[in-house]
Amino acid sequence: MGTNLYNRQNWENAEFPILCQTCLGDNPYLRLTMAASMGTNLYNRQNWENAEFPILCQTCLGDNPYLRMTKEKHGKECKICTRPFTIFRWCPGAKMRFKKTEVCQTCAKLKNVCQTCMLDLEYGLPVQVRDHALKIAESLPTSTVNREYYLQNVDSALEQSGDHGPGGALGKISSQKHELLSKLARTTPYYKRNRPHICSFWVKGECKRGEECPYRHDKPTDPDDPLADQNIKDRYYGTNDPVAEKLLKRAKEMPHLEPPTDKAITTLYVGGLDEAITEQDIRNAFYAYGEIRSINTVPKQGCAFVQFTKRTSAEQAVEKSFNKLIIRGAKATIRWGKSQGKPLTGGAAGAIEQSDMGTMSLPTDLPPAPSESKNYFGLAGGPPVPPPGLGPMGFMALPPTLPRAPAGAIPYASQDPSRMGSAQQHF
């Protein structure tokens, strides 16, 4: 609202109204009641903000170390809580547009955002992206009275704590560091956001100021582009923010390592290691994710194999260290190990053994010894006759229930002449 509306020096504080005789009436004992024209909570001067410096991000502040600001006490109402606050206006740099604060410092501390761009002060990301990553759900009351009461409690809590950090649910989180936010955050200020607006006369072809025009002579964006429809309240509350939806979509498309379908695999391949890296260095990098069963290092190949006792520990290690594991200054690569096959036990092994016994070829009975064989031991008579129940040459005869190999078949696979690639000829 205007300056005169909230300038306390220009407010009227009268003791009696200026009335005509007709409106005053003929009653000499007239009683008048005096009340404020608007609600008391709206003009409660004790809750109005009187700041000395704004809460800004590096991008909105600009790169000029000798920045000049104009300060207007109770210049406008906050676009979130509608309470009067101190307005700051400045130019962040050459050939940039003038910027000013849009919300009060209480609302900015409640969400830990910049008073101008409504982006998070730590990561420079929209509130919707930050709350989605940190799983925070907080919103101001919609009613005017409830919102005023809620903000008064927030002001008193921040004043008693004496901490300049964020308030509300975000201030209760011990650590705000998050891997997804660190990947999406900008590492340097984005001063391109401070450029002047597009000159509407240049778009129509009617701008005659040329290079002296303080506005930008560029082609406007497509009106159907979702990024062209942005507002402060959606950015602050973290709802229907097109910039946040774009960043969340980019986060889903970021590369990640899918776990194998075989749940028995608990081994990770760690590559890109230096020969000086020891087993203890690898253990220090992975011990926090779970119990390690074994670590096998291959210094010549620059890799190692880390086997966990549980599959959940291996999955957590991949999630936390994929594309961001650094061991002694070298970035290591993480991959899942390959399946080595599982030994068959129990019913499966018995079924396969029974199947093989039913199909394998067994040798036939050995031929009888010739009658004209020589007696090398000088014993009288011919060769000894085996006792009953024994086969020729004294070997135990096979039971009749076992299958016999057909006549002319090769008894063992190793005796097959075609096994080594030679062709079997029939004469």
Protein backbone atom coordinates (compact mmCIF):
# COMPACT_ATOMS: atom_id res chain seq x y z
CA MET A 1 0.00 0.00 0.00
CA GLY A 2 0.99 3.64 -0.25
CA THR A 3 3.48 5.32 2.02
CA ASN A 4 0.99 7.78 3.47
CA LEU A 5 -1.28 4.94 4.56
CA TYR A 6 1.31 3.51 6.91
CA ASN A 7 3.15 6.70 7.81
CA ARG A 8 2.21 7.12 11.42
CA GLN A 9 3.03 10.81 11.40
CA ASN A 10 0.25 11.47 8.88
CA TRP A 11 -2.42 9.49 10.64
CA GLU A 12 -5.31 11.39 12.18
CA ASN A 13 -5.85 11.23 15.92
CA ALA A 14 -8.87 13.49 16.53
CA GLU A 15 -10.85 13.93 19.74
CA PHE A 16 -14.11 15.17 18.15
CA PRO A 17 -15.56 14.95 14.64
CA ILE A 18 -16.43 17.84 12.35
CA LEU A 19 -20.22 17.64 11.95
CA CYS A 20 -23.07 19.93 10.94
CA GLN A 21 -25.98 20.68 13.24
CA THR A 22 -28.29 18.36 11.37
CA CYS A 23 -26.00 15.36 11.71
CA LEU A 24 -25.16 16.24 15.29
CA GLY A 25 -28.83 16.29 16.32
CA ASP A 26 -30.62 18.18 19.10
CA ASN A 27 -29.61 15.95 22.01
CA PRO A 28 -27.28 17.90 24.37
CA TYR A 29 -26.21 14.68 26.08
CA LEU A 30 -24.92 12.93 23.00
CA ARG A 31 -22.66 9.90 23.37
CA LEU A 32 -20.07 9.15 20.67
CA THR A 33 -18.03 6.00 20.23
CA MET A 34 -14.60 6.14 18.66
CA ALA A 35 -13.20 3.10 16.83
CA ALA A 36 -10.54 2.37 14.26
CA SER A 37 -11.71 2.19 10.65
CA MET A 38 -9.91 -1.14 10.11
CA GLY A 39 -9.14 -4.11 12.31
CA THR A 40 -6.84 -3.67 15.24
CA ASN A 41 -4.58 -6.55 14.23
CA LEU A 42 -3.94 -4.99 10.82
CA TYR A 43 -2.47 -1.84 12.33
CA ASN A 44 -0.85 -3.31 15.42
CA ARG A 45 2.30 -1.25 15.36
CA GLN A 46 4.14 -3.49 17.79
CA ASN A 47 4.16 -6.33 15.23
CA TRP A 48 5.35 -4.22 12.32
CA GLU A 49 8.81 -4.85 10.96
CA ASN A 50 11.54 -2.26 11.35
CA ALA A 51 14.69 -3.81 9.86
CA GLU A 52 18.11 -2.31 9.14
CA PHE A 53 19.17 -4.68 6.35
CA PRO A 54 17.26 -7.15 4.14
CA ILE A 55 17.65 -10.95 3.94
CA LEU A 56 18.94 -11.54 0.41
CA CYS A 57 20.70 -14.23 -1.60
CA GLN A 58 23.97 -13.59 -3.43
CA THR A 59 22.25 -13.41 -6.82
CA CYS A 60 19.77 -10.70 -5.81
CA LEU A 61 22.41 -8.75 -3.90
CA GLY A 62 24.64 -8.54 -6.97
CA ASP A 63 28.40 -8.46 -7.43
CA ASN A 64 28.90 -4.78 -6.64
CA PRO A 65 30.65 -4.38 -3.26
CA TYR A 66 29.68 -0.68 -3.11
CA LEU A 67 25.94 -1.17 -3.23
CA ARG A 68 23.56 1.69 -2.45
CA MET A 69 20.09 0.98 -1.08
CA THR A 70 17.08 3.10 -0.34
CA LYS A 71 15.12 2.28 2.80
CA GLU A 72 11.44 3.06 3.30
CA LYS A 73 10.04 2.32 6.73
CA HIS A 74 6.64 0.60 6.58
CA GLY A 75 6.55 1.27 2.86
CA LYS A 76 4.35 -1.65 1.75
CA GLU A 77 2.53 -4.65 3.08
CA CYS A 78 3.98 -8.12 2.86
CA LYS A 79 2.56 -10.14 -0.01
CA ILE A 80 2.21 -13.18 2.26
CA CYS A 81 1.07 -11.95 5.68
CA THR A 82 -0.18 -8.46 4.59
CA ARG A 83 1.69 -6.73 7.47
CA PRO A 84 3.63 -3.49 6.86
CA PHE A 85 7.38 -3.95 6.64
CA THR A 86 10.50 -2.05 5.66
CA ILE A 87 11.09 -1.78 1.91
CA PHE A 88 14.63 -1.90 0.49
CA ARG A 89 15.32 -0.97 -3.13
CA TRP A 90 18.65 -1.21 -4.99
CA CYS A 91 20.30 -1.90 -8.35
CA PRO A 92 22.40 -5.10 -8.24
CA GLY A 93 24.72 -4.06 -11.08
CA ALA A 94 25.24 -2.26 -14.35
CA LYS A 95 22.57 -2.80 -17.01
CA MET A 96 20.33 -4.56 -14.50
CA ARG A 97 16.88 -3.70 -13.26
CA PHE A 98 16.13 -2.27 -9.84
CA LYS A 99 15.00 -4.86 -7.30
CA LYS A 100 13.14 -4.55 -4.01
CA THR A 101 12.04 -6.75 -1.13
CA GLU A 102 8.63 -8.41 -1.56
CA VAL A 103 7.97 -10.15 1.79
CA CYS A 104 8.73 -9.34 5.40
CA GLN A 105 11.63 -10.85 7.29
CA THR A 106 9.37 -13.01 9.46
CA CYS A 107 7.97 -14.80 6.42
CA ALA A 108 11.47 -15.06 4.94
CA LYS A 109 12.86 -16.65 8.12
CA LEU A 110 9.90 -19.01 8.34
CA LYS A 111 10.83 -20.57 4.97
CA ASN A 112 14.54 -19.63 4.93
CA VAL A 113 14.13 -17.84 1.59
CA CYS A 114 15.31 -14.60 0.03
CA GLN A 115 13.00 -11.61 0.50
CA THR A 116 13.10 -10.88 -3.23
CA CYS A 117 13.30 -14.08 -5.31
CA MET A 118 11.70 -16.49 -2.78
CA LEU A 119 14.46 -19.09 -3.35
CA ASP A 120 16.18 -21.06 -0.60
CA LEU A 121 19.15 -19.21 0.86
CA GLU A 122 21.38 -22.28 1.18
CA TYR A 123 20.81 -24.08 -2.13
CA GLY A 124 19.18 -21.41 -4.32
CA LEU A 125 16.34 -23.81 -5.18
CA PRO A 126 12.56 -23.35 -5.04
CA VAL A 127 10.76 -24.16 -1.81
CA GLN A 128 8.83 -26.99 -3.47
CA VAL A 129 12.05 -28.83 -4.41
CA ARG A 130 13.60 -28.37 -0.99
CA ASP A 131 10.48 -29.48 0.93
CA HIS A 132 10.10 -32.50 -1.36
CA ALA A 133 13.69 -33.61 -0.72
CA LEU A 134 13.63 -32.95 3.03
CA LYS A 135 10.01 -34.17 3.41
CA ILE A 136 8.76 -30.98 5.05
CA ALA A 137 5.06 -30.06 5.06
CA GLU A 138 4.28 -26.63 6.51
CA SER A 139 1.82 -23.92 5.45
CA LEU A 140 0.55 -20.68 6.93
CA PRO A 141 -3.04 -20.49 8.21
CA THR A 142 -5.48 -19.16 5.64
CA SER A 143 -7.60 -17.13 8.05
CA THR A 144 -6.45 -13.56 8.72
CA VAL A 145 -6.76 -13.79 12.50
CA ASN A 146 -5.10 -17.21 12.69
CA ARG A 147 -2.27 -16.12 10.43
CA GLU A 148 -1.66 -13.03 12.57
CA TYR A 149 -1.60 -15.13 15.76
CA TYR A 150 0.69 -17.72 14.15
CA LEU A 151 3.20 -15.10 12.98
CA GLN A 152 3.24 -13.42 16.38
CA ASN A 153 4.22 -16.74 17.96
CA VAL A 154 6.93 -17.21 15.32
CA ASP A 155 8.31 -13.73 16.01
CA SER A 156 8.44 -14.35 19.76
CA ALA A 157 10.08 -17.78 19.26
CA LEU A 158 12.78 -16.33 16.98
CA GLU A 159 13.40 -13.46 19.37
CA GLN A 160 13.76 -15.74 22.39
CA SER A 161 16.06 -18.19 20.62
CA GLY A 162 18.35 -15.44 19.40
CA ASP A 163 19.24 -17.61 16.40
CA HIS A 164 19.39 -16.03 12.95
CA GLY A 165 18.64 -19.33 11.23
CA PRO A 166 15.35 -20.51 9.78
CA GLY A 167 12.23 -21.01 11.86
CA GLY A 168 9.26 -23.35 11.76
CA ALA A 169 9.67 -26.98 10.73
CA LEU A 170 12.88 -26.27 8.79
CA GLY A 171 14.60 -24.92 11.90
CA LYS A 172 13.91 -28.16 13.78
CA ILE A 173 15.97 -30.24 11.33
CA SER A 174 19.44 -30.84 12.75
CA SER A 175 21.15 -31.09 9.36
CA GLN A 176 19.81 -29.64 6.15
CA LYS A 177 22.45 -31.26 3.93
CA HIS A 178 20.86 -33.44 1.28
CA GLU A 179 22.47 -35.21 -1.66
CA LEU A 180 19.69 -34.44 -4.15
CA LEU A 181 19.72 -30.76 -3.23
CA SER A 182 23.49 -30.62 -3.53
CA LYS A 183 23.28 -32.05 -7.06
CA LEU A 184 20.60 -29.61 -8.22
CA ALA A 185 22.00 -26.52 -6.48
CA ARG A 186 24.00 -23.91 -8.37
CA THR A 187 27.62 -23.51 -7.38
CA THR A 188 27.86 -19.84 -8.53
CA PRO A 189 25.38 -16.93 -8.47
CA TYR A 190 23.08 -16.64 -11.47
CA TYR A 191 23.19 -12.91 -12.28
CA LYS A 192 21.27 -13.43 -15.49
CA ARG A 193 18.15 -13.41 -13.35
CA ASN A 194 18.68 -9.68 -12.66
CA ARG A 195 18.39 -8.62 -16.30
CA PRO A 196 15.90 -5.88 -17.23
CA HIS A 197 12.45 -6.78 -18.46
CA ILE A 198 11.70 -6.94 -22.17
CA CYS A 199 10.75 -3.64 -23.78
CA SER A 200 7.13 -3.84 -24.90
CA PHE A 201 7.62 -0.99 -27.39
CA TRP A 202 10.52 -2.86 -29.04
CA VAL A 203 8.30 -5.93 -29.46
CA LYS A 204 5.77 -3.72 -31.25
CA GLY A 205 8.55 -2.09 -33.30
CA GLU A 206 7.94 1.35 -31.81
CA CYS A 207 10.88 1.84 -29.42
CA LYS A 208 12.80 4.99 -30.40
CA ARG A 209 15.26 5.16 -27.50
CA GLY A 210 17.77 2.73 -28.99
CA GLU A 211 20.73 1.96 -26.76
CA GLU A 212 19.47 4.37 -24.10
CA CYS A 213 16.44 2.18 -23.46
CA PRO A 214 16.72 0.73 -19.94
CA TYR A 215 14.75 -2.35 -20.97
CA ARG A 216 15.91 -5.43 -22.81
CA HIS A 217 15.50 -5.72 -26.59
CA ASP A 218 15.07 -9.49 -26.87
CA LYS A 219 12.47 -11.81 -28.26
CA PRO A 220 9.90 -12.68 -25.58
CA THR A 221 9.38 -16.24 -24.48
CA ASP A 222 6.55 -18.40 -25.70
CA PRO A 223 3.36 -17.54 -23.74
CA ASP A 224 2.46 -21.25 -23.73
CA ASP A 225 5.71 -22.08 -21.93
CA PRO A 226 4.94 -23.08 -18.31
CA LEU A 227 7.95 -21.06 -17.11
CA ALA A 228 6.26 -17.89 -18.35
CA ASP A 229 3.57 -18.17 -15.66
CA GLN A 230 5.22 -17.63 -12.27
CA ASN A 231 4.05 -15.80 -9.17
CA ILE A 232 5.37 -15.09 -5.71
CA LYS A 233 2.74 -16.93 -3.67
CA ASP A 234 3.15 -20.21 -5.55
CA ARG A 235 6.91 -19.93 -5.16
CA TYR A 236 6.65 -19.21 -1.44
CA TYR A 237 4.09 -21.87 -0.56
CA GLY A 238 5.72 -24.46 -2.85
CA THR A 239 2.63 -25.31 -4.92
CA ASN A 240 2.29 -25.43 -8.71
CA ASP A 241 5.74 -23.95 -9.26
CA PRO A 242 6.82 -24.58 -12.89
CA VAL A 243 10.51 -24.11 -12.07
CA ALA A 244 10.29 -26.68 -9.26
CA GLU A 245 8.50 -29.17 -11.50
CA LYS A 246 11.25 -28.78 -14.10
CA LEU A 247 13.96 -29.44 -11.50
CA LEU A 248 12.13 -32.45 -10.08
CA LYS A 249 11.79 -33.89 -13.56
CA ARG A 250 15.51 -33.40 -14.11
CA ALA A 251 16.22 -35.18 -10.82
CA LYS A 252 14.26 -38.25 -11.97
CA GLU A 253 16.29 -38.42 -15.19
CA MET A 254 19.65 -38.34 -13.40
CA PRO A 255 21.72 -41.54 -13.84
CA HIS A 256 21.41 -44.13 -11.12
CA LEU A 257 22.49 -47.74 -10.68
CA GLU A 258 19.69 -50.30 -10.70
CA PRO A 259 20.15 -53.28 -8.35
CA PRO A 260 20.29 -56.74 -9.98
CA THR A 261 17.30 -59.05 -9.83
CA ASP A 262 19.37 -61.75 -8.11
CA LYS A 263 18.94 -61.06 -4.40
CA ALA A 264 21.97 -63.21 -3.56
CA ILE A 265 24.38 -60.66 -5.04
CA THR A 266 25.89 -58.58 -2.23
CA THR A 267 29.25 -57.78 -3.87
CA LEU A 268 30.22 -54.37 -5.25
CA TYR A 269 32.92 -53.65 -7.80
CA VAL A 270 35.00 -50.57 -6.97
CA GLY A 271 37.11 -49.34 -9.88
CA GLY A 272 39.41 -46.42 -10.66
CA LEU A 273 41.59 -46.98 -7.58
CA ASP A 274 45.21 -46.04 -7.18
CA GLU A 275 47.81 -48.70 -6.42
CA ALA A 276 48.60 -46.96 -3.14
CA ILE A 277 45.06 -47.46 -1.84
CA THR A 278 44.96 -50.16 0.80
CA GLU A 279 42.23 -52.43 2.04
CA GLN A 280 41.80 -50.27 5.12
CA ASP A 281 41.01 -47.23 2.94
CA ILE A 282 38.25 -49.14 1.19
CA ARG A 283 36.91 -50.40 4.49
CA ASN A 284 36.80 -46.85 5.85
CA ALA A 285 34.70 -45.79 2.85
CA PHE A 286 32.09 -48.57 3.18
CA TYR A 287 31.98 -49.62 6.83
CA ALA A 288 29.20 -47.12 7.65
CA TYR A 289 26.69 -48.85 5.35
CA GLY A 290 26.72 -52.28 7.03
CA GLU A 291 28.79 -55.28 8.01
CA ILE A 292 31.44 -56.22 5.44
CA ARG A 293 32.13 -59.89 4.86
CA SER A 294 35.28 -59.62 2.75
CA ILE A 295 37.33 -57.16 0.69
CA ASN A 296 39.49 -58.38 -2.19
CA THR A 297 41.84 -55.84 -3.77
CA VAL A 298 43.52 -56.12 -7.17
CA PRO A 299 46.21 -53.38 -7.16
CA LYS A 300 47.43 -54.09 -10.70
CA GLN A 301 43.93 -53.64 -12.13
CA GLY A 302 43.11 -50.71 -9.84
CA CYS A 303 39.92 -52.27 -8.49
CA ALA A 304 38.49 -54.06 -5.50
CA PHE A 305 35.51 -56.24 -4.61
CA VAL A 306 33.54 -55.45 -1.46
CA GLN A 307 31.13 -58.11 -0.23
CA PHE A 308 28.49 -57.25 2.38
CA THR A 309 26.69 -59.72 4.61
CA LYS A 310 23.25 -58.25 3.77
CA ARG A 311 21.71 -57.14 0.49
CA THR A 312 20.20 -54.03 2.09
CA SER A 313 23.66 -52.85 3.14
CA ALA A 314 24.95 -53.21 -0.42
CA GLU A 315 21.96 -51.30 -1.82
CA GLN A 316 22.49 -48.50 0.67
CA ALA A 317 26.18 -48.31 -0.22
CA VAL A 318 25.34 -48.01 -3.92
CA GLU A 319 22.72 -45.33 -3.27
CA LYS A 320 25.02 -43.22 -1.10
CA SER A 321 28.27 -43.60 -3.06
CA PHE A 322 27.30 -43.90 -6.74
CA ASN A 323 29.05 -41.18 -8.78
CA LYS A 324 30.28 -39.43 -5.64
CA LEU A 325 32.75 -41.78 -3.95
CA ILE A 326 36.22 -40.28 -3.51
CA ILE A 327 39.03 -42.32 -1.94
CA ARG A 328 42.31 -40.46 -1.31
CA GLY A 329 41.43 -37.75 -3.80
CA ALA A 330 40.53 -40.17 -6.61
CA LYS A 331 36.96 -40.61 -7.79
CA ALA A 332 35.98 -44.28 -7.73
CA THR A 333 33.35 -46.02 -9.83
CA ILE A 334 30.75 -48.33 -8.31
CA ARG A 335 29.18 -51.32 -10.07
CA TRP A 336 27.27 -54.37 -8.94
CA GLY A 337 29.05 -57.72 -8.95
CA LYS A 338 28.03 -60.52 -11.28
CA SER A 339 26.24 -63.69 -10.29
CA GLN A 340 28.55 -66.71 -9.90
CA GLY A 341 25.77 -69.31 -9.90
CA LYS A 342 24.18 -71.04 -6.91
CA PRO A 343 24.92 -74.67 -5.90
CA LEU A 344 21.93 -76.98 -6.05
CA THR A 345 20.93 -78.54 -2.77
CA GLY A 346 18.06 -80.58 -1.43
CA GLY A 347 15.30 -81.76 -3.74
CA ALA A 348 16.69 -80.09 -6.86
CA ALA A 349 20.01 -81.97 -6.61
CA GLY A 350 18.20 -85.27 -5.91
CA ALA A 351 15.93 -84.85 -8.90
CA ILE A 352 18.87 -84.17 -11.23
CA GLU A 353 20.81 -87.17 -9.85
CA GLN A 354 17.84 -89.48 -10.31
CA SER A 355 17.35 -88.21 -13.85
CA ASP A 356 21.00 -88.80 -14.72
CA MET A 357 20.93 -92.35 -13.29
CA GLY A 358 17.95 -93.14 -15.46
CA THR A 359 19.60 -92.04 -18.69
CA MET A 360 23.28 -92.88 -18.25
CA SER A 361 24.74 -95.86 -20.16
CA LEU A 362 26.08 -98.72 -18.07
CA PRO A 363 28.74 -101.21 -19.28
CA THR A 364 27.71 -104.74 -20.12
CA ASP A 365 29.08 -107.92 -18.43
CA LEU A 366 32.72 -108.64 -19.06
CA PRO A 367 33.34 -111.50 -21.56
CA PRO A 368 34.35 -114.91 -20.11
CA ALA A 369 38.01 -115.85 -19.97
CA PRO A 370 39.21 -118.06 -22.84
CA SER A 371 39.64 -121.76 -22.02
CA GLU A 372 43.08 -121.91 -23.52
CA SER A 373 44.48 -119.30 -21.23
CA LYS A 374 47.85 -120.11 -19.76
CA ASN A 375 48.38 -120.99 -16.14
CA TYR A 376 51.05 -118.47 -15.11
CA PHE A 377 51.04 -119.63 -11.48
CA GLY A 378 51.79 -123.30 -12.27
CA LEU A 379 48.58 -124.53 -10.66
CA ALA A 380 46.92 -127.69 -11.76
CA GLY A 381 43.79 -127.50 -13.79
CA GLY A 382 42.33 -124.55 -15.63
CA PRO A 383 41.42 -121.07 -14.44
CA PRO A 384 39.51 -120.81 -11.17
CA VAL A 385 35.75 -120.85 -11.35
CA PRO A 386 34.08 -117.94 -9.55
CA PRO A 387 31.74 -118.82 -6.72
CA PRO A 388 27.98 -118.58 -7.20
CA GLY A 389 26.67 -115.02 -7.36
CA LEU A 390 29.82 -113.61 -8.85
CA GLY A 391 30.25 -112.79 -12.45
CA PRO A 392 33.13 -113.66 -14.69
CA MET A 393 36.61 -112.83 -13.39
CA GLY A 394 35.18 -112.72 -9.84
CA PHE A 395 33.43 -109.32 -10.12
CA MET A 396 30.04 -108.72 -8.56
CA ALA A 397 27.31 -109.05 -11.11
CA LEU A 398 25.05 -105.97 -11.65
CA PRO A 399 21.53 -106.24 -10.30
CA PRO A 400 18.94 -107.07 -12.89
CA THR A 401 16.94 -103.87 -12.15
CA LEU A 402 19.58 -101.50 -13.52
CA PRO A 403 19.24 -100.64 -17.21
CA ARG A 404 21.57 -102.31 -19.65
CA ALA A 405 23.28 -100.63 -22.53
CA PRO A 406 22.12 -101.81 -25.95
CA ALA A 407 24.36 -104.07 -27.93
CA GLY A 408 26.95 -102.22 -29.96
CA ALA A 409 26.59 -98.97 -27.98
CA ILE A 410 29.63 -97.13 -26.72
CA PRO A 411 29.64 -97.59 -22.93
CA TYR A 412 31.38 -94.28 -21.96
CA ALA A 413 31.13 -90.82 -23.44
CA SER A 414 34.90 -90.47 -23.43
CA GLN A 415 35.15 -93.42 -25.83
CA ASP A 416 33.03 -91.73 -28.48
CA PRO A 417 35.33 -91.03 -31.48
CA SER A 418 33.08 -88.18 -32.65
CA ARG A 419 33.42 -86.40 -29.28
CA MET A 420 36.71 -84.77 -30.26
CA GLY A 421 35.44 -83.69 -33.64
CA SER A 422 36.35 -86.77 -35.70
CA ALA A 423 33.74 -88.33 -37.92
CA GLN A 424 32.65 -91.87 -37.13
CA GLN A 425 32.86 -94.09 -40.18
CA HIS A 426 30.84 -97.25 -40.72
CA PHE A 427 32.22 -100.03 -42.91
